[in-house]
Amino acid sequence: MRGGGPGGRRGGPGDFLRAGRMFGDGDLKLVVLYLMAEAPRHGYDIIKALEERSSGFYAPSPGVIYPTLTFLEEAGYAVSASEGAKKVFSITEAGSAHLAENRDMVERALEQLERFGRKMAKAREWFGWDDEAQERRGGRRDDELRSVRRRLRAALAEILDGPEERRAQAADVLKTAAEALEALSRD
């Protein structure tokens, strides 16, 4: 069976996280060109830019970025110059033309990366995936509240896949709890 892109091709912005990769074949190259069109960049800067655009969810490894930069340079889409110990890459005219030909694809890939990152940031917040990191930064720890919150999340996860009637009952329970907590916070 072939991939999910147009004409059955693999890759494309709709094929996120396939085989552990964020971008399909060719998409990362276009995204890197797009970032270089914004400003000349070195590899670490590209990694950080992607991490920022994805709300911290996606930071490609140097083992992915540097071969991509080498490919772009060999294809004539980028040129590098040494700045101290770093190589800074800039887009060429050929790279700009290639990027313009594929503008829709790169914009969709970036928009999906950013949207996915926002969703994952909300999930991290909701599910408390950052609790330990927050505690290491000096955040307050409350084991009892944390335990109850985990139980609530687990129960909700089960209910969300259930029948509509059960989801409506859960919403009523949560509304009552939210009202009680809001009243408690005002006291």
N, C-alpha and C. Protein backbone atom coordinates (compact mmCIF):
# COMPACT_ATOMS: atom_id res chain seq x y z
N MET A 1 0.85 -1.18 0.00
CA MET A 1 0.00 0.00 0.00
C MET A 1 0.89 1.24 0.00
N ARG A 2 0.52 2.21 -0.80
CA ARG A 2 1.32 3.43 -0.93
C ARG A 2 0.89 4.45 0.08
N GLY A 3 1.72 5.50 0.22
CA GLY A 3 1.48 6.55 1.20
C GLY A 3 0.28 7.41 0.85
N GLY A 4 0.06 8.41 1.73
CA GLY A 4 -1.16 9.18 1.64
C GLY A 4 -1.09 10.48 0.88
N GLY A 5 -0.01 10.78 0.20
CA GLY A 5 0.08 12.05 -0.51
C GLY A 5 -0.69 12.01 -1.82
N PRO A 6 -0.70 13.11 -2.54
CA PRO A 6 -1.39 13.16 -3.83
C PRO A 6 -0.82 12.11 -4.77
N GLY A 7 -1.69 11.43 -5.48
CA GLY A 7 -1.24 10.42 -6.42
C GLY A 7 -0.66 9.21 -5.73
N GLY A 8 -0.91 9.06 -4.42
CA GLY A 8 -0.40 7.92 -3.68
C GLY A 8 1.03 8.09 -3.23
N ARG A 9 1.64 9.24 -3.49
CA ARG A 9 3.05 9.41 -3.10
C ARG A 9 3.15 9.56 -1.59
N ARG A 10 4.27 9.18 -1.04
CA ARG A 10 4.50 9.33 0.39
C ARG A 10 4.94 10.75 0.66
N GLY A 11 4.69 11.19 1.84
CA GLY A 11 5.14 12.52 2.23
C GLY A 11 4.00 13.51 2.16
N GLY A 12 4.34 14.73 2.39
CA GLY A 12 3.33 15.78 2.40
C GLY A 12 2.94 16.10 3.82
N PRO A 13 2.38 17.27 4.02
CA PRO A 13 2.10 17.72 5.36
C PRO A 13 1.05 16.90 6.09
N GLY A 14 0.27 16.09 5.38
CA GLY A 14 -0.74 15.28 6.05
C GLY A 14 -0.19 13.98 6.61
N ASP A 15 1.07 13.69 6.34
CA ASP A 15 1.66 12.42 6.74
C ASP A 15 2.52 12.55 8.00
N PHE A 16 2.10 13.40 8.95
CA PHE A 16 2.87 13.64 10.17
C PHE A 16 3.14 12.37 10.95
N LEU A 17 4.30 12.33 11.56
CA LEU A 17 4.72 11.31 12.50
C LEU A 17 4.76 9.92 11.91
N ARG A 18 4.71 9.81 10.60
CA ARG A 18 4.85 8.52 9.95
C ARG A 18 6.27 8.04 10.20
N ALA A 19 6.40 6.82 10.66
CA ALA A 19 7.70 6.20 10.91
C ALA A 19 8.59 7.09 11.77
N GLY A 20 7.99 7.82 12.72
CA GLY A 20 8.77 8.62 13.65
C GLY A 20 9.30 9.93 13.07
N ARG A 21 8.88 10.29 11.87
CA ARG A 21 9.37 11.51 11.26
C ARG A 21 8.26 12.55 11.23
N MET A 22 8.65 13.79 11.39
CA MET A 22 7.68 14.87 11.38
C MET A 22 7.27 15.24 9.96
N PHE A 23 8.22 15.30 9.04
CA PHE A 23 7.96 15.72 7.67
C PHE A 23 8.14 14.57 6.70
N GLY A 24 7.37 14.61 5.62
CA GLY A 24 7.54 13.64 4.55
C GLY A 24 8.76 14.00 3.70
N ASP A 25 9.08 13.11 2.80
CA ASP A 25 10.22 13.32 1.91
C ASP A 25 10.07 14.64 1.17
N GLY A 26 11.08 15.45 1.21
CA GLY A 26 11.08 16.73 0.51
C GLY A 26 10.52 17.89 1.30
N ASP A 27 9.60 17.63 2.21
CA ASP A 27 8.99 18.72 2.97
C ASP A 27 10.01 19.43 3.86
N LEU A 28 10.86 18.68 4.54
CA LEU A 28 11.85 19.31 5.41
C LEU A 28 12.79 20.19 4.60
N LYS A 29 13.17 19.73 3.43
CA LYS A 29 14.06 20.54 2.58
C LYS A 29 13.40 21.89 2.25
N LEU A 30 12.11 21.84 1.93
CA LEU A 30 11.39 23.08 1.61
C LEU A 30 11.26 23.98 2.83
N VAL A 31 10.99 23.38 3.98
CA VAL A 31 10.86 24.16 5.21
C VAL A 31 12.19 24.83 5.55
N VAL A 32 13.29 24.10 5.39
CA VAL A 32 14.61 24.68 5.66
C VAL A 32 14.89 25.82 4.68
N LEU A 33 14.54 25.65 3.42
CA LEU A 33 14.69 26.74 2.45
C LEU A 33 13.87 27.95 2.88
N TYR A 34 12.65 27.71 3.32
CA TYR A 34 11.78 28.79 3.78
C TYR A 34 12.44 29.55 4.93
N LEU A 35 13.00 28.82 5.88
CA LEU A 35 13.66 29.46 7.03
C LEU A 35 14.88 30.25 6.58
N MET A 36 15.62 29.72 5.60
CA MET A 36 16.78 30.45 5.07
C MET A 36 16.35 31.69 4.29
N ALA A 37 15.17 31.64 3.68
CA ALA A 37 14.67 32.82 2.96
C ALA A 37 14.35 33.94 3.94
N GLU A 38 13.98 33.59 5.18
CA GLU A 38 13.74 34.60 6.22
C GLU A 38 15.04 35.28 6.62
N ALA A 39 16.11 34.46 6.75
CA ALA A 39 17.42 34.98 7.16
C ALA A 39 18.45 33.86 7.01
N PRO A 40 19.69 34.21 6.72
CA PRO A 40 20.74 33.18 6.69
C PRO A 40 20.80 32.50 8.07
N ARG A 41 21.03 31.19 8.05
CA ARG A 41 20.99 30.44 9.31
C ARG A 41 22.05 29.34 9.33
N HIS A 42 22.47 29.02 10.55
CA HIS A 42 23.31 27.84 10.74
C HIS A 42 22.40 26.71 11.23
N GLY A 43 22.91 25.49 11.24
CA GLY A 43 22.10 24.33 11.56
C GLY A 43 21.37 24.41 12.89
N TYR A 44 22.09 24.82 13.92
CA TYR A 44 21.46 24.90 15.25
C TYR A 44 20.33 25.92 15.25
N ASP A 45 20.49 27.00 14.53
CA ASP A 45 19.44 28.02 14.43
C ASP A 45 18.19 27.45 13.75
N ILE A 46 18.37 26.61 12.75
CA ILE A 46 17.24 25.98 12.08
C ILE A 46 16.52 25.04 13.04
N ILE A 47 17.28 24.26 13.79
CA ILE A 47 16.68 23.35 14.79
C ILE A 47 15.85 24.15 15.78
N LYS A 48 16.40 25.24 16.30
CA LYS A 48 15.69 26.06 17.28
C LYS A 48 14.45 26.73 16.66
N ALA A 49 14.54 27.17 15.41
CA ALA A 49 13.39 27.79 14.75
C ALA A 49 12.24 26.80 14.61
N LEU A 50 12.56 25.56 14.26
CA LEU A 50 11.52 24.53 14.14
C LEU A 50 10.95 24.17 15.51
N GLU A 51 11.79 24.15 16.51
CA GLU A 51 11.32 23.87 17.86
C GLU A 51 10.35 24.97 18.32
N GLU A 52 10.69 26.22 18.04
CA GLU A 52 9.82 27.34 18.42
C GLU A 52 8.49 27.30 17.66
N ARG A 53 8.54 27.03 16.36
CA ARG A 53 7.32 27.00 15.55
C ARG A 53 6.39 25.87 15.98
N SER A 54 6.96 24.82 16.57
CA SER A 54 6.14 23.68 16.99
C SER A 54 5.82 23.73 18.48
N SER A 55 5.99 24.87 19.11
CA SER A 55 5.74 25.03 20.55
C SER A 55 6.53 24.03 21.38
N GLY A 56 7.75 23.75 20.94
CA GLY A 56 8.64 22.87 21.69
C GLY A 56 8.46 21.39 21.40
N PHE A 57 7.54 21.03 20.50
CA PHE A 57 7.27 19.62 20.26
C PHE A 57 8.29 18.98 19.33
N TYR A 58 8.73 19.69 18.32
CA TYR A 58 9.60 19.10 17.30
C TYR A 58 10.92 19.86 17.21
N ALA A 59 11.99 19.15 17.50
CA ALA A 59 13.34 19.69 17.32
C ALA A 59 14.14 18.61 16.58
N PRO A 60 14.29 18.77 15.28
CA PRO A 60 15.01 17.74 14.53
C PRO A 60 16.45 17.61 15.01
N SER A 61 16.98 16.43 14.88
CA SER A 61 18.35 16.20 15.33
C SER A 61 19.34 16.79 14.33
N PRO A 62 20.56 17.07 14.78
CA PRO A 62 21.60 17.51 13.84
C PRO A 62 21.81 16.48 12.73
N GLY A 63 21.60 15.20 13.05
CA GLY A 63 21.75 14.13 12.05
C GLY A 63 20.71 14.18 10.95
N VAL A 64 19.68 14.99 11.13
CA VAL A 64 18.67 15.20 10.09
C VAL A 64 18.94 16.54 9.39
N ILE A 65 19.25 17.56 10.16
CA ILE A 65 19.40 18.91 9.60
C ILE A 65 20.66 19.05 8.75
N TYR A 66 21.80 18.58 9.24
CA TYR A 66 23.03 18.81 8.50
C TYR A 66 23.07 18.08 7.16
N PRO A 67 22.59 16.84 7.05
CA PRO A 67 22.52 16.24 5.71
C PRO A 67 21.54 16.99 4.78
N THR A 68 20.46 17.54 5.35
CA THR A 68 19.52 18.33 4.56
C THR A 68 20.22 19.57 4.02
N LEU A 69 20.98 20.24 4.88
CA LEU A 69 21.72 21.44 4.44
C LEU A 69 22.74 21.08 3.36
N THR A 70 23.42 19.96 3.53
CA THR A 70 24.39 19.51 2.53
C THR A 70 23.70 19.24 1.20
N PHE A 71 22.55 18.57 1.26
CA PHE A 71 21.80 18.31 0.03
C PHE A 71 21.42 19.62 -0.66
N LEU A 72 20.87 20.56 0.11
CA LEU A 72 20.43 21.84 -0.47
C LEU A 72 21.60 22.58 -1.11
N GLU A 73 22.76 22.50 -0.47
CA GLU A 73 23.94 23.17 -1.02
C GLU A 73 24.38 22.47 -2.31
N GLU A 74 24.42 21.14 -2.30
CA GLU A 74 24.83 20.39 -3.49
C GLU A 74 23.84 20.57 -4.64
N ALA A 75 22.55 20.77 -4.32
CA ALA A 75 21.53 20.98 -5.35
C ALA A 75 21.56 22.40 -5.89
N GLY A 76 22.36 23.29 -5.28
CA GLY A 76 22.45 24.67 -5.73
C GLY A 76 21.37 25.56 -5.15
N TYR A 77 20.61 25.06 -4.15
CA TYR A 77 19.55 25.84 -3.53
C TYR A 77 20.03 26.67 -2.35
N ALA A 78 21.21 26.36 -1.86
CA ALA A 78 21.78 27.08 -0.71
C ALA A 78 23.28 27.21 -0.92
N VAL A 79 23.84 28.19 -0.25
CA VAL A 79 25.28 28.39 -0.26
C VAL A 79 25.70 28.64 1.18
N SER A 80 26.90 28.18 1.53
CA SER A 80 27.35 28.36 2.91
C SER A 80 28.58 29.25 2.96
N ALA A 81 28.73 29.88 4.11
CA ALA A 81 29.90 30.71 4.37
C ALA A 81 30.29 30.47 5.82
N SER A 82 31.57 30.47 6.09
CA SER A 82 32.05 30.26 7.46
C SER A 82 31.97 31.55 8.24
N GLU A 83 31.41 31.44 9.42
CA GLU A 83 31.40 32.54 10.40
C GLU A 83 31.97 31.97 11.68
N GLY A 84 33.25 32.19 11.86
CA GLY A 84 33.91 31.58 13.01
C GLY A 84 33.93 30.07 12.82
N ALA A 85 33.47 29.35 13.83
CA ALA A 85 33.45 27.89 13.76
C ALA A 85 32.16 27.36 13.13
N LYS A 86 31.26 28.26 12.75
CA LYS A 86 29.96 27.84 12.23
C LYS A 86 29.88 28.08 10.74
N LYS A 87 29.06 27.24 10.09
CA LYS A 87 28.73 27.42 8.69
C LYS A 87 27.35 28.03 8.64
N VAL A 88 27.21 29.17 7.99
CA VAL A 88 25.92 29.83 7.86
C VAL A 88 25.43 29.62 6.43
N PHE A 89 24.18 29.19 6.30
CA PHE A 89 23.60 28.87 5.01
C PHE A 89 22.63 29.96 4.58
N SER A 90 22.70 30.32 3.30
CA SER A 90 21.80 31.31 2.71
C SER A 90 21.15 30.67 1.49
N ILE A 91 19.95 31.12 1.18
CA ILE A 91 19.23 30.61 0.02
C ILE A 91 19.79 31.28 -1.24
N THR A 92 19.86 30.54 -2.33
CA THR A 92 20.33 31.07 -3.61
C THR A 92 19.12 31.46 -4.47
N GLU A 93 19.40 32.04 -5.63
CA GLU A 93 18.31 32.35 -6.56
C GLU A 93 17.57 31.08 -6.98
N ALA A 94 18.33 30.01 -7.23
CA ALA A 94 17.70 28.74 -7.61
C ALA A 94 16.85 28.21 -6.45
N GLY A 95 17.34 28.38 -5.23
CA GLY A 95 16.57 27.96 -4.06
C GLY A 95 15.30 28.77 -3.91
N SER A 96 15.39 30.07 -4.16
CA SER A 96 14.21 30.93 -4.09
C SER A 96 13.18 30.54 -5.14
N ALA A 97 13.66 30.21 -6.34
CA ALA A 97 12.75 29.79 -7.41
C ALA A 97 12.07 28.47 -7.05
N HIS A 98 12.85 27.53 -6.52
CA HIS A 98 12.30 26.23 -6.10
C HIS A 98 11.28 26.42 -4.99
N LEU A 99 11.60 27.28 -4.06
CA LEU A 99 10.68 27.57 -2.96
C LEU A 99 9.39 28.20 -3.49
N ALA A 100 9.51 29.13 -4.42
CA ALA A 100 8.32 29.78 -4.99
C ALA A 100 7.43 28.76 -5.71
N GLU A 101 8.04 27.81 -6.40
CA GLU A 101 7.28 26.76 -7.10
C GLU A 101 6.51 25.88 -6.12
N ASN A 102 7.01 25.77 -4.90
CA ASN A 102 6.43 24.87 -3.91
C ASN A 102 5.89 25.62 -2.69
N ARG A 103 5.58 26.89 -2.86
CA ARG A 103 5.14 27.74 -1.75
C ARG A 103 3.93 27.16 -1.02
N ASP A 104 2.94 26.67 -1.76
CA ASP A 104 1.74 26.12 -1.11
C ASP A 104 2.09 24.93 -0.20
N MET A 105 2.94 24.05 -0.69
CA MET A 105 3.30 22.86 0.08
C MET A 105 4.04 23.25 1.36
N VAL A 106 4.98 24.15 1.27
CA VAL A 106 5.75 24.54 2.46
C VAL A 106 4.87 25.29 3.45
N GLU A 107 3.98 26.12 2.94
CA GLU A 107 3.08 26.84 3.86
C GLU A 107 2.14 25.89 4.58
N ARG A 108 1.64 24.88 3.86
CA ARG A 108 0.79 23.87 4.52
C ARG A 108 1.58 23.09 5.55
N ALA A 109 2.81 22.72 5.23
CA ALA A 109 3.64 21.96 6.16
C ALA A 109 3.92 22.77 7.42
N LEU A 110 4.26 24.04 7.25
CA LEU A 110 4.53 24.89 8.41
C LEU A 110 3.27 25.15 9.23
N GLU A 111 2.16 25.38 8.55
CA GLU A 111 0.90 25.63 9.27
C GLU A 111 0.52 24.39 10.07
N GLN A 112 0.69 23.21 9.49
CA GLN A 112 0.35 21.99 10.21
C GLN A 112 1.33 21.75 11.37
N LEU A 113 2.60 22.05 11.16
CA LEU A 113 3.58 21.92 12.24
C LEU A 113 3.20 22.83 13.41
N GLU A 114 2.85 24.07 13.11
CA GLU A 114 2.49 25.01 14.16
C GLU A 114 1.19 24.61 14.85
N ARG A 115 0.20 24.17 14.06
CA ARG A 115 -1.08 23.74 14.65
C ARG A 115 -0.88 22.50 15.53
N PHE A 116 -0.10 21.55 15.03
CA PHE A 116 0.18 20.34 15.80
C PHE A 116 0.92 20.69 17.09
N GLY A 117 1.87 21.61 16.99
CA GLY A 117 2.62 22.05 18.17
C GLY A 117 1.71 22.70 19.21
N ARG A 118 0.77 23.54 18.74
CA ARG A 118 -0.18 24.16 19.68
C ARG A 118 -1.04 23.11 20.36
N LYS A 119 -1.50 22.12 19.58
CA LYS A 119 -2.31 21.05 20.18
C LYS A 119 -1.51 20.26 21.20
N MET A 120 -0.27 19.97 20.87
CA MET A 120 0.57 19.21 21.81
C MET A 120 0.88 20.03 23.06
N ALA A 121 1.04 21.34 22.90
CA ALA A 121 1.26 22.20 24.08
C ALA A 121 0.05 22.17 24.99
N LYS A 122 -1.15 22.22 24.39
CA LYS A 122 -2.37 22.13 25.20
C LYS A 122 -2.46 20.77 25.88
N ALA A 123 -2.10 19.72 25.17
CA ALA A 123 -2.14 18.38 25.76
C ALA A 123 -1.14 18.27 26.90
N ARG A 124 0.07 18.81 26.72
CA ARG A 124 1.07 18.79 27.80
C ARG A 124 0.52 19.48 29.03
N GLU A 125 -0.13 20.62 28.81
CA GLU A 125 -0.69 21.37 29.94
C GLU A 125 -1.82 20.58 30.60
N TRP A 126 -2.76 20.11 29.78
CA TRP A 126 -3.92 19.41 30.32
C TRP A 126 -3.53 18.12 31.04
N PHE A 127 -2.66 17.33 30.41
CA PHE A 127 -2.31 16.04 30.99
C PHE A 127 -1.18 16.13 32.01
N GLY A 128 -0.66 17.32 32.22
CA GLY A 128 0.37 17.49 33.23
C GLY A 128 1.70 16.86 32.85
N TRP A 129 1.96 16.74 31.54
CA TRP A 129 3.20 16.12 31.11
C TRP A 129 4.40 16.94 31.51
N ASP A 130 4.21 18.20 31.83
CA ASP A 130 5.32 19.06 32.23
C ASP A 130 5.40 19.22 33.75
N ASP A 131 4.60 18.46 34.50
CA ASP A 131 4.59 18.62 35.96
C ASP A 131 5.97 18.47 36.57
N GLU A 132 6.69 17.41 36.19
CA GLU A 132 8.01 17.18 36.79
C GLU A 132 8.98 18.30 36.42
N ALA A 133 8.92 18.75 35.18
CA ALA A 133 9.79 19.85 34.75
C ALA A 133 9.46 21.12 35.53
N GLN A 134 8.17 21.37 35.74
CA GLN A 134 7.76 22.55 36.49
C GLN A 134 8.26 22.46 37.93
N GLU A 135 8.19 21.28 38.52
CA GLU A 135 8.67 21.11 39.89
C GLU A 135 10.18 21.35 39.97
N ARG A 136 10.92 20.88 38.96
CA ARG A 136 12.37 21.10 38.96
C ARG A 136 12.69 22.58 38.86
N ARG A 137 11.79 23.36 38.21
CA ARG A 137 12.01 24.80 38.09
C ARG A 137 11.51 25.54 39.33
N GLY A 138 11.08 24.82 40.34
CA GLY A 138 10.67 25.46 41.58
C GLY A 138 9.18 25.60 41.74
N GLY A 139 8.41 24.95 40.88
CA GLY A 139 6.95 25.01 40.99
C GLY A 139 6.47 24.26 42.22
N ARG A 140 5.26 24.57 42.65
CA ARG A 140 4.69 23.94 43.82
C ARG A 140 4.24 22.52 43.50
N ARG A 141 4.39 21.64 44.46
CA ARG A 141 3.99 20.25 44.29
C ARG A 141 2.92 19.93 45.31
N ASP A 142 1.84 19.32 44.84
CA ASP A 142 0.77 18.91 45.73
C ASP A 142 0.36 17.51 45.28
N ASP A 143 0.88 16.49 45.98
CA ASP A 143 0.67 15.11 45.56
C ASP A 143 -0.80 14.71 45.53
N GLU A 144 -1.59 15.16 46.48
CA GLU A 144 -3.00 14.75 46.51
C GLU A 144 -3.77 15.33 45.32
N LEU A 145 -3.61 16.62 45.08
CA LEU A 145 -4.28 17.23 43.92
C LEU A 145 -3.80 16.60 42.61
N ARG A 146 -2.52 16.37 42.53
CA ARG A 146 -1.95 15.77 41.33
C ARG A 146 -2.52 14.37 41.09
N SER A 147 -2.65 13.59 42.14
CA SER A 147 -3.19 12.25 42.03
C SER A 147 -4.65 12.28 41.56
N VAL A 148 -5.43 13.18 42.14
CA VAL A 148 -6.84 13.29 41.75
C VAL A 148 -6.94 13.76 40.30
N ARG A 149 -6.10 14.69 39.91
CA ARG A 149 -6.12 15.17 38.53
C ARG A 149 -5.80 14.04 37.55
N ARG A 150 -4.84 13.20 37.89
CA ARG A 150 -4.51 12.07 37.02
C ARG A 150 -5.68 11.10 36.91
N ARG A 151 -6.34 10.84 38.04
CA ARG A 151 -7.51 9.95 38.01
C ARG A 151 -8.60 10.55 37.12
N LEU A 152 -8.82 11.85 37.25
CA LEU A 152 -9.82 12.53 36.44
C LEU A 152 -9.49 12.43 34.96
N ARG A 153 -8.25 12.68 34.60
CA ARG A 153 -7.84 12.60 33.20
C ARG A 153 -8.04 11.20 32.65
N ALA A 154 -7.66 10.19 33.44
CA ALA A 154 -7.81 8.81 32.98
C ALA A 154 -9.28 8.46 32.78
N ALA A 155 -10.13 8.87 33.70
CA ALA A 155 -11.56 8.59 33.57
C ALA A 155 -12.14 9.31 32.36
N LEU A 156 -11.74 10.57 32.16
CA LEU A 156 -12.24 11.32 31.01
C LEU A 156 -11.79 10.70 29.69
N ALA A 157 -10.57 10.22 29.66
CA ALA A 157 -10.06 9.59 28.44
C ALA A 157 -10.92 8.39 28.06
N GLU A 158 -11.35 7.63 29.03
CA GLU A 158 -12.22 6.49 28.77
C GLU A 158 -13.59 6.94 28.30
N ILE A 159 -14.13 7.96 28.92
CA ILE A 159 -15.48 8.43 28.61
C ILE A 159 -15.55 9.10 27.24
N LEU A 160 -14.50 9.78 26.85
CA LEU A 160 -14.51 10.50 25.57
C LEU A 160 -14.74 9.58 24.38
N ASP A 161 -14.36 8.32 24.52
CA ASP A 161 -14.59 7.36 23.43
C ASP A 161 -15.91 6.62 23.59
N GLY A 162 -16.67 6.96 24.63
CA GLY A 162 -17.92 6.26 24.91
C GLY A 162 -19.11 6.87 24.21
N PRO A 163 -20.28 6.36 24.53
CA PRO A 163 -21.51 6.85 23.90
C PRO A 163 -21.84 8.28 24.32
N GLU A 164 -22.64 8.93 23.51
CA GLU A 164 -23.02 10.33 23.74
C GLU A 164 -23.65 10.53 25.11
N GLU A 165 -24.52 9.63 25.52
CA GLU A 165 -25.19 9.75 26.81
C GLU A 165 -24.19 9.81 27.97
N ARG A 166 -23.18 8.96 27.90
CA ARG A 166 -22.16 8.94 28.95
C ARG A 166 -21.34 10.22 28.93
N ARG A 167 -21.03 10.74 27.75
CA ARG A 167 -20.28 11.99 27.66
C ARG A 167 -21.10 13.14 28.23
N ALA A 168 -22.41 13.15 27.99
CA ALA A 168 -23.28 14.19 28.54
C ALA A 168 -23.31 14.11 30.06
N GLN A 169 -23.37 12.91 30.60
CA GLN A 169 -23.34 12.74 32.06
C GLN A 169 -22.02 13.25 32.63
N ALA A 170 -20.93 12.94 31.94
CA ALA A 170 -19.61 13.40 32.39
C ALA A 170 -19.55 14.92 32.38
N ALA A 171 -20.11 15.55 31.35
CA ALA A 171 -20.11 17.02 31.27
C ALA A 171 -20.88 17.60 32.45
N ASP A 172 -22.00 16.98 32.83
CA ASP A 172 -22.78 17.47 33.98
C ASP A 172 -21.96 17.36 35.27
N VAL A 173 -21.27 16.24 35.45
CA VAL A 173 -20.43 16.05 36.64
C VAL A 173 -19.34 17.12 36.68
N LEU A 174 -18.71 17.37 35.53
CA LEU A 174 -17.63 18.36 35.48
C LEU A 174 -18.15 19.78 35.72
N LYS A 175 -19.34 20.08 35.21
CA LYS A 175 -19.92 21.41 35.45
C LYS A 175 -20.15 21.62 36.95
N THR A 176 -20.68 20.62 37.61
CA THR A 176 -20.92 20.72 39.05
C THR A 176 -19.59 20.90 39.80
N ALA A 177 -18.60 20.11 39.41
CA ALA A 177 -17.28 20.22 40.06
C ALA A 177 -16.66 21.58 39.79
N ALA A 178 -16.77 22.08 38.57
CA ALA A 178 -16.19 23.38 38.23
C ALA A 178 -16.86 24.49 39.04
N GLU A 179 -18.16 24.42 39.19
CA GLU A 179 -18.87 25.43 39.97
C GLU A 179 -18.43 25.39 41.44
N ALA A 180 -18.28 24.19 41.97
CA ALA A 180 -17.84 24.06 43.36
C ALA A 180 -16.42 24.60 43.52
N LEU A 181 -15.54 24.32 42.59
CA LEU A 181 -14.16 24.81 42.68
C LEU A 181 -14.11 26.31 42.51
N GLU A 182 -14.92 26.85 41.62
CA GLU A 182 -14.96 28.31 41.43
C GLU A 182 -15.44 28.99 42.73
N ALA A 183 -16.43 28.40 43.35
CA ALA A 183 -16.92 28.94 44.63
C ALA A 183 -15.85 28.87 45.70
N LEU A 184 -15.11 27.78 45.72
CA LEU A 184 -14.03 27.59 46.68
C LEU A 184 -12.92 28.62 46.45
N SER A 185 -12.63 28.91 45.19
CA SER A 185 -11.56 29.86 44.89
C SER A 185 -11.93 31.29 45.24
N ARG A 186 -13.23 31.58 45.32
CA ARG A 186 -13.68 32.92 45.68
C ARG A 186 -13.66 33.12 47.18
N ASP A 187 -13.70 32.05 47.94
CA ASP A 187 -13.73 32.16 49.41
C ASP A 187 -12.41 32.63 49.97
